[in-house]
Amino acid sequence: MSSRSDLARIQDILDAIQSIQGKTRSLSFEQFCQDEILIKAVLYDLIVIGEAANNISNDIQALAPEIPWRLMSDMRNIVAHEYFRVNLRITWSTVQRNLQPLITPLQQLKAKLID
């Protein structure tokens, strides 16, 4: 069993989202594609998100069924194990459309666990 708590893993996800958003906020897709270091940093943070999501206990995941736990884990698996299939347009779309909606439910789940 891992020594990291579910609460810590939720915070890991929130931190990784913040990191990605901070790095990509003012960029276009074209600018993103031209920066190999940035691409690797974003992909790493997506791995962190998926790894943390995958290791949050099922009981805690069940408290927030609106969070796409499995999709986050699946994205991690593609980036980590099938890196040759990583599509930067899909990555960019994920960054631009799918991360922000996770913040509020994750914060709410975190608050439930703290109380």
Protein backbone atom coordinates (compact mmCIF):
# COMPACT_ATOMS: atom_id res chain seq x y z
CA MET A 1 0.00 0.00 0.00
CA SER A 2 1.21 3.48 -0.82
CA SER A 3 2.16 5.89 1.91
CA ARG A 4 0.52 8.84 0.14
CA SER A 5 -2.99 9.67 1.21
CA ASP A 6 -5.95 10.20 -1.08
CA LEU A 7 -5.98 13.82 0.06
CA ALA A 8 -2.34 14.24 -1.00
CA ARG A 9 -3.09 12.67 -4.37
CA ILE A 10 -6.02 15.02 -4.95
CA GLN A 11 -3.67 17.90 -4.20
CA ASP A 12 -1.14 16.42 -6.65
CA ILE A 13 -3.81 16.55 -9.37
CA LEU A 14 -4.73 20.14 -8.52
CA ASP A 15 -1.05 21.16 -8.50
CA ALA A 16 -0.41 19.49 -11.86
CA ILE A 17 -3.44 21.23 -13.39
CA GLN A 18 -2.20 24.57 -12.06
CA SER A 19 1.26 23.86 -13.44
CA ILE A 20 -0.10 23.06 -16.91
CA GLN A 21 -2.39 26.07 -16.94
CA GLY A 22 0.41 28.37 -15.83
CA LYS A 23 2.68 27.16 -18.61
CA THR A 24 0.11 27.22 -21.41
CA ARG A 25 -2.29 30.04 -20.53
CA SER A 26 -1.04 32.60 -23.04
CA LEU A 27 0.05 30.25 -25.81
CA SER A 28 -1.45 29.22 -29.10
CA PHE A 29 -1.43 25.62 -30.28
CA GLU A 30 1.33 26.50 -32.74
CA GLN A 31 3.51 28.00 -29.99
CA PHE A 32 2.92 24.94 -27.84
CA CYS A 33 3.99 22.61 -30.67
CA GLN A 34 7.22 24.52 -31.20
CA ASP A 35 8.44 24.13 -27.61
CA GLU A 36 9.66 20.58 -27.01
CA ILE A 37 10.56 21.26 -23.38
CA LEU A 38 7.07 22.61 -22.72
CA ILE A 39 5.47 19.62 -24.44
CA LYS A 40 7.45 17.24 -22.25
CA ALA A 41 6.59 19.24 -19.11
CA VAL A 42 2.87 19.16 -19.93
CA LEU A 43 2.98 15.45 -20.74
CA TYR A 44 4.76 14.81 -17.43
CA ASP A 45 2.04 16.70 -15.54
CA LEU A 46 -0.61 14.67 -17.37
CA ILE A 47 1.18 11.53 -16.19
CA VAL A 48 1.11 12.89 -12.62
CA ILE A 49 -2.63 13.56 -12.93
CA GLY A 50 -3.34 10.08 -14.24
CA GLU A 51 -1.08 8.32 -11.76
CA ALA A 52 -2.61 10.18 -8.83
CA ALA A 53 -6.15 9.53 -10.10
CA ASN A 54 -5.42 5.84 -10.56
CA ASN A 55 -4.15 5.53 -6.99
CA ILE A 56 -7.02 7.28 -5.24
CA SER A 57 -9.07 4.65 -3.46
CA ASN A 58 -12.31 3.48 -5.07
CA ASP A 59 -14.29 4.61 -2.03
CA ILE A 60 -13.04 8.17 -2.45
CA GLN A 61 -13.54 8.10 -6.22
CA ALA A 62 -17.14 7.04 -5.62
CA LEU A 63 -17.72 10.27 -3.67
CA ALA A 64 -17.14 12.23 -6.90
CA PRO A 65 -18.50 10.20 -9.82
CA GLU A 66 -18.54 13.32 -12.01
CA ILE A 67 -14.74 13.26 -12.11
CA PRO A 68 -13.50 11.14 -15.05
CA TRP A 69 -11.06 9.07 -12.99
CA ARG A 70 -10.70 6.36 -15.62
CA LEU A 71 -10.10 8.82 -18.46
CA MET A 72 -7.36 10.55 -16.47
CA SER A 73 -5.70 7.20 -15.87
CA ASP A 74 -6.11 6.19 -19.52
CA MET A 75 -4.42 9.42 -20.67
CA ARG A 76 -1.52 8.65 -18.36
CA ASN A 77 -1.19 5.16 -19.81
CA ILE A 78 -1.05 6.46 -23.36
CA VAL A 79 1.54 9.12 -22.53
CA ALA A 80 3.69 6.76 -20.46
CA HIS A 81 3.42 3.52 -22.43
CA GLU A 82 2.29 4.46 -25.92
CA TYR A 83 4.19 7.73 -26.27
CA PHE A 84 4.46 7.17 -30.02
CA ARG A 85 0.66 7.59 -30.19
CA VAL A 86 0.57 10.94 -28.39
CA ASN A 87 -1.30 13.39 -30.58
CA LEU A 88 -0.43 16.99 -29.74
CA ARG A 89 -3.78 18.27 -30.98
CA ILE A 90 -5.58 15.95 -28.54
CA THR A 91 -3.13 16.92 -25.80
CA TRP A 92 -3.79 20.60 -26.47
CA SER A 93 -7.53 20.05 -26.51
CA THR A 94 -7.29 18.24 -23.18
CA VAL A 95 -5.28 21.10 -21.70
CA GLN A 96 -7.64 23.76 -23.02
CA ARG A 97 -11.00 22.06 -22.40
CA ASN A 98 -10.77 19.25 -19.88
CA LEU A 99 -8.61 20.44 -17.00
CA GLN A 100 -10.46 23.54 -15.79
CA PRO A 101 -13.75 21.67 -15.22
CA LEU A 102 -11.92 19.28 -12.86
CA ILE A 103 -10.85 21.97 -10.42
CA THR A 104 -14.14 22.65 -8.61
CA PRO A 105 -15.15 18.99 -8.12
CA LEU A 106 -11.63 18.15 -6.93
CA GLN A 107 -11.66 21.06 -4.49
CA GLN A 108 -15.09 19.98 -3.23
CA LEU A 109 -13.89 16.41 -2.77
CA LYS A 110 -10.82 17.67 -0.94
CA ALA A 111 -13.03 19.74 1.38
CA LYS A 112 -15.18 16.66 2.15
CA LEU A 113 -12.09 14.72 3.14
CA ILE A 114 -10.76 17.49 5.36
CA ASP A 115 -14.05 17.87 7.27
